[in-house]
Amino acid sequence: MFDIFLSHAHQDEACARTLVKRLEGWGFTVYVDFKDAALSQLPDRALADRLVDRLRQCRLLVFAFSEASVNSRWMPWELGLAHGVIGRAVLWPFTQRALRAKAAQEYLHLYEALSPATAQTRLEALLGEARAAAVRPADLRAMQDLAGITANKAPEFGQPEVATEFMANGPMKLYLAWLDSLTSAWRPK
């Protein structure tokens, strides 16, 4: 498990390396692509699958951006995926010009931009919440959605075939997937 998934443009690798040192110096574990040698040898689909897997192993995405990031094809995808998979993302602007470039990317306004002066304290708070949480915010939203669907379907549960079909295709599948995920950690490989 990593504390932080660092998303950055390849043009910003030097800045990203400096940021990784800073984050690790603050005691955070960081996943970043340039530390993952396997990434350079993967075709696009396998690369995407590996990044999804890594995102699932992280508590927070830090979207480290500059004006060059506007041209990245991977960064918006990583941010959107992290929004759904992790449920936590923050912005780390490398420069003041990056903050101005943010205006061209409306979706970035959904996320908090960290200030270098208070970043360590804010990251400690966010990661503390993430470590304490039994479920990730994205997973919690999915469970709440299922509860709402179940409540709306309740009047039809007087018909046994409707109730049986719903349970088999909804809550039971979710529960079995959770149980399988939980027990896979103890299975011999």
N, C-alpha and C. Protein backbone atom coordinates (compact mmCIF):
# COMPACT_ATOMS: atom_id res chain seq x y z
N MET A 1 0.84 -1.18 0.00
CA MET A 1 0.00 0.00 0.00
C MET A 1 0.89 1.25 0.00
N PHE A 2 0.53 2.21 -0.83
CA PHE A 2 1.25 3.48 -0.90
C PHE A 2 0.35 4.59 -0.35
N ASP A 3 0.94 5.60 0.21
CA ASP A 3 0.17 6.77 0.63
C ASP A 3 -0.28 7.56 -0.58
N ILE A 4 0.65 7.78 -1.51
CA ILE A 4 0.42 8.73 -2.61
C ILE A 4 0.75 8.10 -3.95
N PHE A 5 -0.14 8.32 -4.92
CA PHE A 5 0.12 8.05 -6.32
C PHE A 5 0.43 9.41 -6.92
N LEU A 6 1.62 9.60 -7.45
CA LEU A 6 2.01 10.89 -8.02
C LEU A 6 1.79 10.86 -9.52
N SER A 7 0.87 11.68 -9.99
CA SER A 7 0.60 11.82 -11.42
C SER A 7 1.33 13.06 -11.91
N HIS A 8 2.09 12.92 -12.99
CA HIS A 8 2.86 14.05 -13.53
C HIS A 8 3.10 13.84 -15.01
N ALA A 9 3.39 14.91 -15.71
CA ALA A 9 3.74 14.83 -17.13
C ALA A 9 5.22 14.46 -17.25
N HIS A 10 5.56 13.71 -18.28
CA HIS A 10 6.96 13.31 -18.45
C HIS A 10 7.89 14.51 -18.62
N GLN A 11 7.37 15.61 -19.18
CA GLN A 11 8.20 16.82 -19.32
C GLN A 11 8.57 17.39 -17.95
N ASP A 12 7.81 17.05 -16.92
CA ASP A 12 8.04 17.56 -15.57
C ASP A 12 8.77 16.57 -14.67
N GLU A 13 9.44 15.58 -15.27
CA GLU A 13 10.06 14.53 -14.45
C GLU A 13 11.07 15.08 -13.44
N ALA A 14 11.85 16.07 -13.82
CA ALA A 14 12.83 16.63 -12.87
C ALA A 14 12.12 17.24 -11.66
N CYS A 15 11.05 17.98 -11.89
CA CYS A 15 10.26 18.56 -10.79
C CYS A 15 9.61 17.44 -9.97
N ALA A 16 9.13 16.41 -10.66
CA ALA A 16 8.48 15.29 -9.97
C ALA A 16 9.48 14.55 -9.08
N ARG A 17 10.70 14.38 -9.54
CA ARG A 17 11.72 13.72 -8.72
C ARG A 17 12.00 14.53 -7.44
N THR A 18 12.06 15.83 -7.57
CA THR A 18 12.26 16.70 -6.41
C THR A 18 11.07 16.59 -5.45
N LEU A 19 9.87 16.55 -6.01
CA LEU A 19 8.66 16.44 -5.19
C LEU A 19 8.62 15.10 -4.47
N VAL A 20 9.00 14.02 -5.14
CA VAL A 20 9.02 12.70 -4.50
C VAL A 20 9.96 12.72 -3.29
N LYS A 21 11.13 13.32 -3.46
CA LYS A 21 12.08 13.41 -2.33
C LYS A 21 11.47 14.17 -1.17
N ARG A 22 10.76 15.25 -1.48
CA ARG A 22 10.12 16.05 -0.44
C ARG A 22 9.04 15.24 0.27
N LEU A 23 8.18 14.57 -0.49
CA LEU A 23 7.09 13.78 0.09
C LEU A 23 7.64 12.63 0.94
N GLU A 24 8.66 11.95 0.43
CA GLU A 24 9.26 10.86 1.20
C GLU A 24 9.98 11.40 2.44
N GLY A 25 10.55 12.57 2.33
CA GLY A 25 11.17 13.21 3.48
C GLY A 25 10.16 13.52 4.58
N TRP A 26 8.91 13.73 4.19
CA TRP A 26 7.83 13.98 5.14
C TRP A 26 7.28 12.66 5.71
N GLY A 27 7.81 11.54 5.23
CA GLY A 27 7.39 10.24 5.75
C GLY A 27 6.32 9.53 4.96
N PHE A 28 5.97 10.02 3.77
CA PHE A 28 4.94 9.39 2.95
C PHE A 28 5.56 8.38 1.99
N THR A 29 4.84 7.31 1.70
CA THR A 29 5.27 6.38 0.66
C THR A 29 4.64 6.84 -0.65
N VAL A 30 5.41 6.81 -1.72
CA VAL A 30 4.97 7.39 -2.98
C VAL A 30 5.15 6.38 -4.11
N TYR A 31 4.07 6.20 -4.89
CA TYR A 31 4.18 5.45 -6.14
C TYR A 31 4.31 6.48 -7.25
N VAL A 32 5.34 6.32 -8.07
CA VAL A 32 5.54 7.20 -9.21
C VAL A 32 6.07 6.34 -10.36
N ASP A 33 5.66 6.66 -11.56
CA ASP A 33 5.97 5.80 -12.71
C ASP A 33 7.45 5.58 -12.94
N PHE A 34 8.30 6.59 -12.72
CA PHE A 34 9.72 6.40 -13.03
C PHE A 34 10.43 5.47 -12.06
N LYS A 35 9.76 5.07 -10.99
CA LYS A 35 10.33 4.06 -10.08
C LYS A 35 9.81 2.65 -10.41
N ASP A 36 8.99 2.53 -11.42
CA ASP A 36 8.38 1.25 -11.80
C ASP A 36 8.94 0.83 -13.17
N ALA A 37 10.02 0.07 -13.14
CA ALA A 37 10.70 -0.32 -14.39
C ALA A 37 9.81 -1.09 -15.35
N ALA A 38 8.83 -1.82 -14.84
CA ALA A 38 7.96 -2.62 -15.70
C ALA A 38 7.12 -1.75 -16.63
N LEU A 39 6.86 -0.52 -16.27
CA LEU A 39 5.99 0.33 -17.09
C LEU A 39 6.54 0.58 -18.48
N SER A 40 7.84 0.74 -18.59
CA SER A 40 8.43 1.07 -19.89
C SER A 40 8.35 -0.09 -20.89
N GLN A 41 8.05 -1.28 -20.41
CA GLN A 41 8.01 -2.44 -21.28
C GLN A 41 6.60 -2.92 -21.59
N LEU A 42 5.59 -2.17 -21.16
CA LEU A 42 4.21 -2.61 -21.34
C LEU A 42 3.54 -1.90 -22.50
N PRO A 43 2.73 -2.63 -23.29
CA PRO A 43 1.92 -1.97 -24.31
C PRO A 43 0.81 -1.16 -23.62
N ASP A 44 0.15 -0.29 -24.36
CA ASP A 44 -0.83 0.63 -23.79
C ASP A 44 -1.86 -0.02 -22.87
N ARG A 45 -2.50 -1.12 -23.29
CA ARG A 45 -3.55 -1.72 -22.48
C ARG A 45 -2.97 -2.32 -21.19
N ALA A 46 -1.86 -2.99 -21.28
CA ALA A 46 -1.23 -3.56 -20.08
C ALA A 46 -0.73 -2.45 -19.16
N LEU A 47 -0.25 -1.37 -19.76
CA LEU A 47 0.18 -0.22 -18.98
C LEU A 47 -1.01 0.37 -18.22
N ALA A 48 -2.12 0.54 -18.89
CA ALA A 48 -3.33 1.07 -18.24
C ALA A 48 -3.77 0.15 -17.11
N ASP A 49 -3.75 -1.16 -17.34
CA ASP A 49 -4.14 -2.11 -16.29
C ASP A 49 -3.20 -2.01 -15.08
N ARG A 50 -1.91 -1.85 -15.34
CA ARG A 50 -0.94 -1.74 -14.24
C ARG A 50 -1.18 -0.47 -13.43
N LEU A 51 -1.48 0.63 -14.13
CA LEU A 51 -1.75 1.88 -13.42
C LEU A 51 -3.03 1.78 -12.59
N VAL A 52 -4.05 1.12 -13.12
CA VAL A 52 -5.28 0.91 -12.35
C VAL A 52 -4.97 0.12 -11.09
N ASP A 53 -4.17 -0.93 -11.24
CA ASP A 53 -3.79 -1.75 -10.09
C ASP A 53 -3.04 -0.91 -9.06
N ARG A 54 -2.13 -0.09 -9.51
CA ARG A 54 -1.36 0.76 -8.59
C ARG A 54 -2.26 1.79 -7.91
N LEU A 55 -3.19 2.37 -8.65
CA LEU A 55 -4.12 3.33 -8.04
C LEU A 55 -4.93 2.68 -6.92
N ARG A 56 -5.31 1.44 -7.12
CA ARG A 56 -6.07 0.73 -6.09
C ARG A 56 -5.24 0.51 -4.82
N GLN A 57 -3.93 0.60 -4.95
CA GLN A 57 -3.03 0.38 -3.81
C GLN A 57 -2.60 1.70 -3.16
N CYS A 58 -3.24 2.80 -3.55
CA CYS A 58 -2.87 4.11 -3.02
C CYS A 58 -4.03 4.76 -2.28
N ARG A 59 -3.69 5.62 -1.35
CA ARG A 59 -4.70 6.31 -0.53
C ARG A 59 -5.08 7.68 -1.08
N LEU A 60 -4.23 8.27 -1.92
CA LEU A 60 -4.44 9.64 -2.39
C LEU A 60 -3.68 9.83 -3.70
N LEU A 61 -4.28 10.55 -4.63
CA LEU A 61 -3.57 10.92 -5.86
C LEU A 61 -3.15 12.37 -5.71
N VAL A 62 -1.88 12.63 -5.95
CA VAL A 62 -1.37 14.00 -6.03
C VAL A 62 -1.13 14.28 -7.52
N PHE A 63 -1.90 15.22 -8.04
CA PHE A 63 -1.84 15.61 -9.44
C PHE A 63 -0.86 16.78 -9.54
N ALA A 64 0.40 16.46 -9.83
CA ALA A 64 1.46 17.47 -9.88
C ALA A 64 1.52 18.01 -11.31
N PHE A 65 1.20 19.29 -11.47
CA PHE A 65 1.03 19.79 -12.83
C PHE A 65 1.75 21.11 -13.07
N SER A 66 2.02 21.33 -14.34
CA SER A 66 2.62 22.57 -14.82
C SER A 66 1.83 22.96 -16.07
N GLU A 67 2.26 24.00 -16.71
CA GLU A 67 1.60 24.37 -17.96
C GLU A 67 1.81 23.29 -19.03
N ALA A 68 2.86 22.49 -18.93
CA ALA A 68 3.11 21.39 -19.87
C ALA A 68 2.11 20.24 -19.70
N SER A 69 1.52 20.14 -18.54
CA SER A 69 0.59 19.04 -18.26
C SER A 69 -0.66 19.08 -19.12
N VAL A 70 -0.98 20.23 -19.65
CA VAL A 70 -2.16 20.38 -20.50
C VAL A 70 -2.10 19.41 -21.67
N ASN A 71 -0.90 19.08 -22.12
CA ASN A 71 -0.72 18.20 -23.27
C ASN A 71 -0.66 16.73 -22.91
N SER A 72 -0.69 16.40 -21.64
CA SER A 72 -0.60 14.99 -21.23
C SER A 72 -1.89 14.25 -21.56
N ARG A 73 -1.74 13.06 -22.14
CA ARG A 73 -2.90 12.21 -22.40
C ARG A 73 -3.21 11.33 -21.21
N TRP A 74 -2.22 11.03 -20.38
CA TRP A 74 -2.42 10.10 -19.26
C TRP A 74 -2.92 10.78 -17.99
N MET A 75 -2.48 12.01 -17.74
CA MET A 75 -2.81 12.65 -16.46
C MET A 75 -4.32 12.83 -16.23
N PRO A 76 -5.09 13.33 -17.21
CA PRO A 76 -6.53 13.46 -16.96
C PRO A 76 -7.18 12.11 -16.71
N TRP A 77 -6.70 11.08 -17.41
CA TRP A 77 -7.23 9.73 -17.21
C TRP A 77 -6.92 9.25 -15.80
N GLU A 78 -5.68 9.44 -15.34
CA GLU A 78 -5.31 9.02 -13.99
C GLU A 78 -6.13 9.76 -12.94
N LEU A 79 -6.35 11.05 -13.14
CA LEU A 79 -7.12 11.83 -12.19
C LEU A 79 -8.57 11.35 -12.13
N GLY A 80 -9.17 11.15 -13.28
CA GLY A 80 -10.55 10.67 -13.32
C GLY A 80 -10.69 9.29 -12.70
N LEU A 81 -9.75 8.43 -13.01
CA LEU A 81 -9.78 7.08 -12.45
C LEU A 81 -9.58 7.13 -10.94
N ALA A 82 -8.65 7.93 -10.48
CA ALA A 82 -8.42 8.06 -9.03
C ALA A 82 -9.66 8.61 -8.34
N HIS A 83 -10.35 9.52 -9.00
CA HIS A 83 -11.58 10.08 -8.43
C HIS A 83 -12.57 8.96 -8.12
N GLY A 84 -12.66 7.99 -9.03
CA GLY A 84 -13.58 6.87 -8.82
C GLY A 84 -13.03 5.76 -7.96
N VAL A 85 -11.76 5.43 -8.11
CA VAL A 85 -11.16 4.29 -7.41
C VAL A 85 -10.75 4.65 -5.98
N ILE A 86 -10.06 5.77 -5.83
CA ILE A 86 -9.56 6.16 -4.51
C ILE A 86 -10.56 7.08 -3.80
N GLY A 87 -11.10 8.01 -4.55
CA GLY A 87 -12.03 8.97 -3.97
C GLY A 87 -11.35 10.18 -3.36
N ARG A 88 -10.03 10.27 -3.49
CA ARG A 88 -9.27 11.40 -2.92
C ARG A 88 -8.20 11.83 -3.92
N ALA A 89 -8.19 13.13 -4.21
CA ALA A 89 -7.16 13.68 -5.10
C ALA A 89 -6.95 15.14 -4.75
N VAL A 90 -5.71 15.58 -4.84
CA VAL A 90 -5.36 16.98 -4.64
C VAL A 90 -4.41 17.41 -5.75
N LEU A 91 -4.33 18.71 -5.93
CA LEU A 91 -3.47 19.27 -6.96
C LEU A 91 -2.19 19.82 -6.33
N TRP A 92 -1.07 19.62 -7.02
CA TRP A 92 0.20 20.21 -6.60
C TRP A 92 0.71 21.00 -7.80
N PRO A 93 0.49 22.32 -7.81
CA PRO A 93 1.00 23.12 -8.94
C PRO A 93 2.50 23.32 -8.81
N PHE A 94 3.23 23.01 -9.87
CA PHE A 94 4.68 23.18 -9.85
C PHE A 94 5.06 24.67 -9.92
N THR A 95 4.22 25.46 -10.60
CA THR A 95 4.54 26.88 -10.78
C THR A 95 3.27 27.71 -10.64
N GLN A 96 3.44 29.01 -10.52
CA GLN A 96 2.29 29.93 -10.51
C GLN A 96 1.62 29.94 -11.89
N ARG A 97 2.43 29.80 -12.95
CA ARG A 97 1.84 29.73 -14.29
C ARG A 97 0.96 28.50 -14.42
N ALA A 98 1.29 27.44 -13.71
CA ALA A 98 0.45 26.23 -13.75
C ALA A 98 -0.94 26.54 -13.20
N LEU A 99 -1.00 27.36 -12.16
CA LEU A 99 -2.30 27.73 -11.60
C LEU A 99 -3.14 28.51 -12.62
N ARG A 100 -2.47 29.34 -13.43
CA ARG A 100 -3.20 30.05 -14.48
C ARG A 100 -3.63 29.08 -15.58
N ALA A 101 -2.79 28.09 -15.90
CA ALA A 101 -3.13 27.10 -16.92
C ALA A 101 -4.30 26.23 -16.46
N LYS A 102 -4.47 26.12 -15.16
CA LYS A 102 -5.58 25.34 -14.59
C LYS A 102 -6.93 25.84 -15.11
N ALA A 103 -7.02 27.13 -15.39
CA ALA A 103 -8.27 27.70 -15.88
C ALA A 103 -8.72 27.07 -17.20
N ALA A 104 -7.79 26.58 -17.98
CA ALA A 104 -8.13 25.95 -19.26
C ALA A 104 -8.66 24.54 -19.08
N GLN A 105 -8.51 23.98 -17.89
CA GLN A 105 -8.96 22.61 -17.61
C GLN A 105 -10.01 22.68 -16.50
N GLU A 106 -11.27 22.85 -16.90
CA GLU A 106 -12.35 23.07 -15.95
C GLU A 106 -12.42 21.99 -14.87
N TYR A 107 -12.16 20.76 -15.22
CA TYR A 107 -12.29 19.66 -14.26
C TYR A 107 -11.34 19.81 -13.08
N LEU A 108 -10.26 20.56 -13.22
CA LEU A 108 -9.32 20.74 -12.12
C LEU A 108 -9.92 21.58 -10.99
N HIS A 109 -10.96 22.33 -11.28
CA HIS A 109 -11.61 23.14 -10.24
C HIS A 109 -12.35 22.28 -9.21
N LEU A 110 -12.50 21.00 -9.48
CA LEU A 110 -13.15 20.09 -8.54
C LEU A 110 -12.24 19.73 -7.37
N TYR A 111 -10.95 20.01 -7.50
CA TYR A 111 -9.97 19.53 -6.53
C TYR A 111 -9.25 20.67 -5.82
N GLU A 112 -8.86 20.38 -4.62
CA GLU A 112 -8.11 21.32 -3.81
C GLU A 112 -6.68 21.44 -4.33
N ALA A 113 -6.21 22.68 -4.46
CA ALA A 113 -4.81 22.92 -4.84
C ALA A 113 -4.02 23.16 -3.56
N LEU A 114 -2.98 22.39 -3.35
CA LEU A 114 -2.15 22.52 -2.17
C LEU A 114 -1.24 23.73 -2.29
N SER A 115 -0.97 24.34 -1.17
CA SER A 115 0.01 25.42 -1.08
C SER A 115 1.28 24.80 -0.52
N PRO A 116 2.44 25.06 -1.12
CA PRO A 116 3.67 24.48 -0.59
C PRO A 116 3.90 24.79 0.90
N ALA A 117 3.41 25.93 1.35
CA ALA A 117 3.62 26.33 2.75
C ALA A 117 2.85 25.44 3.73
N THR A 118 1.69 24.93 3.31
CA THR A 118 0.85 24.14 4.22
C THR A 118 0.65 22.70 3.73
N ALA A 119 1.34 22.33 2.67
CA ALA A 119 1.12 21.02 2.04
C ALA A 119 1.36 19.85 2.97
N GLN A 120 2.43 19.88 3.75
CA GLN A 120 2.73 18.74 4.62
C GLN A 120 1.61 18.52 5.63
N THR A 121 1.16 19.57 6.26
CA THR A 121 0.09 19.45 7.26
C THR A 121 -1.20 18.96 6.60
N ARG A 122 -1.52 19.51 5.43
CA ARG A 122 -2.76 19.10 4.75
C ARG A 122 -2.68 17.64 4.30
N LEU A 123 -1.55 17.22 3.76
CA LEU A 123 -1.39 15.82 3.34
C LEU A 123 -1.46 14.88 4.54
N GLU A 124 -0.85 15.26 5.65
CA GLU A 124 -0.93 14.43 6.86
C GLU A 124 -2.39 14.25 7.28
N ALA A 125 -3.18 15.32 7.21
CA ALA A 125 -4.59 15.24 7.59
C ALA A 125 -5.36 14.34 6.62
N LEU A 126 -5.17 14.55 5.32
CA LEU A 126 -5.88 13.73 4.32
C LEU A 126 -5.51 12.26 4.43
N LEU A 127 -4.22 11.99 4.60
CA LEU A 127 -3.79 10.60 4.69
C LEU A 127 -4.18 9.98 6.02
N GLY A 128 -4.24 10.77 7.06
CA GLY A 128 -4.74 10.27 8.35
C GLY A 128 -6.19 9.84 8.23
N GLU A 129 -7.01 10.64 7.55
CA GLU A 129 -8.41 10.27 7.30
C GLU A 129 -8.49 9.00 6.47
N ALA A 130 -7.64 8.92 5.45
CA ALA A 130 -7.67 7.75 4.57
C ALA A 130 -7.27 6.48 5.31
N ARG A 131 -6.25 6.58 6.17
CA ARG A 131 -5.82 5.40 6.93
C ARG A 131 -6.88 4.96 7.93
N ALA A 132 -7.59 5.93 8.49
CA ALA A 132 -8.60 5.62 9.51
C ALA A 132 -9.90 5.09 8.89
N ALA A 133 -10.13 5.39 7.63
CA ALA A 133 -11.38 5.00 6.98
C ALA A 133 -11.42 3.49 6.74
N ALA A 134 -12.54 2.88 7.05
CA ALA A 134 -12.71 1.45 6.79
C ALA A 134 -12.88 1.21 5.30
N VAL A 135 -13.48 2.16 4.61
CA VAL A 135 -13.68 2.04 3.16
C VAL A 135 -13.27 3.36 2.51
N ARG A 136 -12.94 3.29 1.25
CA ARG A 136 -12.58 4.48 0.51
C ARG A 136 -13.86 5.25 0.17
N PRO A 137 -13.76 6.58 0.01
CA PRO A 137 -14.96 7.35 -0.33
C PRO A 137 -15.68 6.85 -1.57
N ALA A 138 -14.94 6.42 -2.59
CA ALA A 138 -15.58 5.92 -3.81
C ALA A 138 -16.36 4.65 -3.52
N ASP A 139 -15.81 3.77 -2.67
CA ASP A 139 -16.51 2.53 -2.31
C ASP A 139 -17.73 2.84 -1.46
N LEU A 140 -17.61 3.82 -0.58
CA LEU A 140 -18.74 4.22 0.26
C LEU A 140 -19.88 4.74 -0.60
N ARG A 141 -19.55 5.56 -1.61
CA ARG A 141 -20.60 6.06 -2.52
C ARG A 141 -21.28 4.91 -3.24
N ALA A 142 -20.53 3.90 -3.66
CA ALA A 142 -21.12 2.75 -4.34
C ALA A 142 -22.08 2.00 -3.41
N MET A 143 -21.67 1.85 -2.15
CA MET A 143 -22.55 1.16 -1.19
C MET A 143 -23.81 1.99 -0.92
N GLN A 144 -23.65 3.31 -0.84
CA GLN A 144 -24.82 4.16 -0.63
C GLN A 144 -25.76 4.11 -1.83
N ASP A 145 -25.20 4.08 -3.03
CA ASP A 145 -26.02 3.95 -4.23
C ASP A 145 -26.81 2.65 -4.21
N LEU A 146 -26.15 1.55 -3.83
CA LEU A 146 -26.82 0.25 -3.76
C LEU A 146 -27.93 0.28 -2.72
N ALA A 147 -27.69 0.95 -1.60
CA ALA A 147 -28.72 1.06 -0.57
C ALA A 147 -29.92 1.83 -1.09
N GLY A 148 -29.68 2.88 -1.86
CA GLY A 148 -30.78 3.66 -2.44
C GLY A 148 -31.57 2.84 -3.45
N ILE A 149 -30.87 2.08 -4.27
CA ILE A 149 -31.55 1.22 -5.25
C ILE A 149 -32.39 0.17 -4.53
N THR A 150 -31.81 -0.40 -3.48
CA THR A 150 -32.54 -1.41 -2.70
C THR A 150 -33.80 -0.81 -2.10
N ALA A 151 -33.69 0.38 -1.54
CA ALA A 151 -34.86 1.04 -0.93
C ALA A 151 -35.94 1.31 -1.97
N ASN A 152 -35.56 1.72 -3.16
CA ASN A 152 -36.53 1.98 -4.22
C ASN A 152 -37.21 0.70 -4.71
N LYS A 153 -36.48 -0.40 -4.65
CA LYS A 153 -36.98 -1.68 -5.13
C LYS A 153 -37.83 -2.40 -4.07
N ALA A 154 -37.74 -1.98 -2.81
CA ALA A 154 -38.40 -2.66 -1.68
C ALA A 154 -39.89 -2.96 -1.91
N PRO A 155 -40.66 -2.03 -2.48
CA PRO A 155 -42.09 -2.35 -2.68
C PRO A 155 -42.34 -3.59 -3.55
N GLU A 156 -41.40 -3.92 -4.41
CA GLU A 156 -41.56 -5.08 -5.30
C GLU A 156 -41.12 -6.38 -4.63
N PHE A 157 -40.52 -6.31 -3.44
CA PHE A 157 -39.99 -7.50 -2.80
C PHE A 157 -41.07 -8.44 -2.29
N GLY A 158 -42.31 -8.02 -2.36
CA GLY A 158 -43.42 -8.93 -2.01
C GLY A 158 -43.52 -10.07 -3.02
N GLN A 159 -42.92 -9.89 -4.17
CA GLN A 159 -42.89 -10.93 -5.20
C GLN A 159 -41.56 -11.67 -5.04
N PRO A 160 -41.60 -12.91 -4.57
CA PRO A 160 -40.36 -13.64 -4.27
C PRO A 160 -39.38 -13.70 -5.44
N GLU A 161 -39.88 -13.83 -6.66
CA GLU A 161 -38.95 -13.93 -7.80
C GLU A 161 -38.20 -12.62 -8.02
N VAL A 162 -38.85 -11.49 -7.77
CA VAL A 162 -38.19 -10.19 -7.90
C VAL A 162 -37.12 -10.05 -6.82
N ALA A 163 -37.47 -10.37 -5.60
CA ALA A 163 -36.52 -10.26 -4.48
C ALA A 163 -35.33 -11.18 -4.69
N THR A 164 -35.57 -12.40 -5.14
CA THR A 164 -34.49 -13.36 -5.36
C THR A 164 -33.56 -12.89 -6.47
N GLU A 165 -34.14 -12.45 -7.58
CA GLU A 165 -33.32 -11.99 -8.70
C GLU A 165 -32.50 -10.76 -8.30
N PHE A 166 -33.13 -9.82 -7.59
CA PHE A 166 -32.42 -8.62 -7.18
C PHE A 166 -31.25 -8.96 -6.26
N MET A 167 -31.49 -9.79 -5.27
CA MET A 167 -30.43 -10.15 -4.32
C MET A 167 -29.28 -10.87 -5.03
N ALA A 168 -29.63 -11.76 -5.96
CA ALA A 168 -28.59 -12.53 -6.66
C ALA A 168 -27.74 -11.64 -7.57
N ASN A 169 -28.35 -10.62 -8.16
CA ASN A 169 -27.63 -9.78 -9.11
C ASN A 169 -27.10 -8.48 -8.52
N GLY A 170 -27.43 -8.19 -7.28
CA GLY A 170 -26.98 -6.95 -6.66
C GLY A 170 -26.16 -7.20 -5.42
N PRO A 171 -26.81 -7.13 -4.26
CA PRO A 171 -26.06 -7.23 -3.00
C PRO A 171 -25.24 -8.51 -2.85
N MET A 172 -25.74 -9.62 -3.31
CA MET A 172 -24.98 -10.87 -3.15
C MET A 172 -23.71 -10.85 -4.01
N LYS A 173 -23.80 -10.32 -5.22
CA LYS A 173 -22.60 -10.22 -6.06
C LYS A 173 -21.58 -9.30 -5.41
N LEU A 174 -22.04 -8.19 -4.85
CA LEU A 174 -21.14 -7.27 -4.18
C LEU A 174 -20.49 -7.95 -2.98
N TYR A 175 -21.27 -8.63 -2.18
CA TYR A 175 -20.75 -9.31 -1.00
C TYR A 175 -19.75 -10.40 -1.40
N LEU A 176 -20.09 -11.19 -2.41
CA LEU A 176 -19.19 -12.26 -2.83
C LEU A 176 -17.88 -11.72 -3.41
N ALA A 177 -17.95 -10.60 -4.14
CA ALA A 177 -16.73 -9.98 -4.66
C ALA A 177 -15.86 -9.49 -3.51
N TRP A 178 -16.49 -8.88 -2.49
CA TRP A 178 -15.75 -8.42 -1.32
C TRP A 178 -15.11 -9.60 -0.60
N LEU A 179 -15.87 -10.68 -0.41
CA LEU A 179 -15.36 -11.85 0.29
C LEU A 179 -14.20 -12.48 -0.49
N ASP A 180 -14.33 -12.56 -1.81
CA ASP A 180 -13.27 -13.11 -2.64
C ASP A 180 -12.01 -12.26 -2.55
N SER A 181 -12.18 -10.95 -2.59
CA SER A 181 -11.04 -10.05 -2.47
C SER A 181 -10.36 -10.20 -1.11
N LEU A 182 -11.16 -10.31 -0.08
CA LEU A 182 -10.62 -10.45 1.27
C LEU A 182 -9.85 -11.76 1.44
N THR A 183 -10.40 -12.85 0.95
CA THR A 183 -9.76 -14.15 1.13
C THR A 183 -8.60 -14.38 0.17
N SER A 184 -8.53 -13.63 -0.92
CA SER A 184 -7.44 -13.83 -1.88
C SER A 184 -6.08 -13.50 -1.27
N ALA A 185 -6.07 -12.65 -0.26
CA ALA A 185 -4.81 -12.30 0.40
C ALA A 185 -4.20 -13.52 1.12
N TRP A 186 -5.04 -14.47 1.51
CA TRP A 186 -4.56 -15.62 2.27
C TRP A 186 -4.39 -16.87 1.40
N ARG A 187 -4.76 -16.78 0.13
CA ARG A 187 -4.60 -17.94 -0.74
C ARG A 187 -3.15 -18.11 -1.13
N PRO A 188 -2.71 -19.37 -1.24
CA PRO A 188 -1.33 -19.58 -1.75
C PRO A 188 -1.25 -19.13 -3.19
N LYS A 189 -0.12 -18.59 -3.54
CA LYS A 189 0.05 -18.07 -4.91
C LYS A 189 0.69 -19.10 -5.80
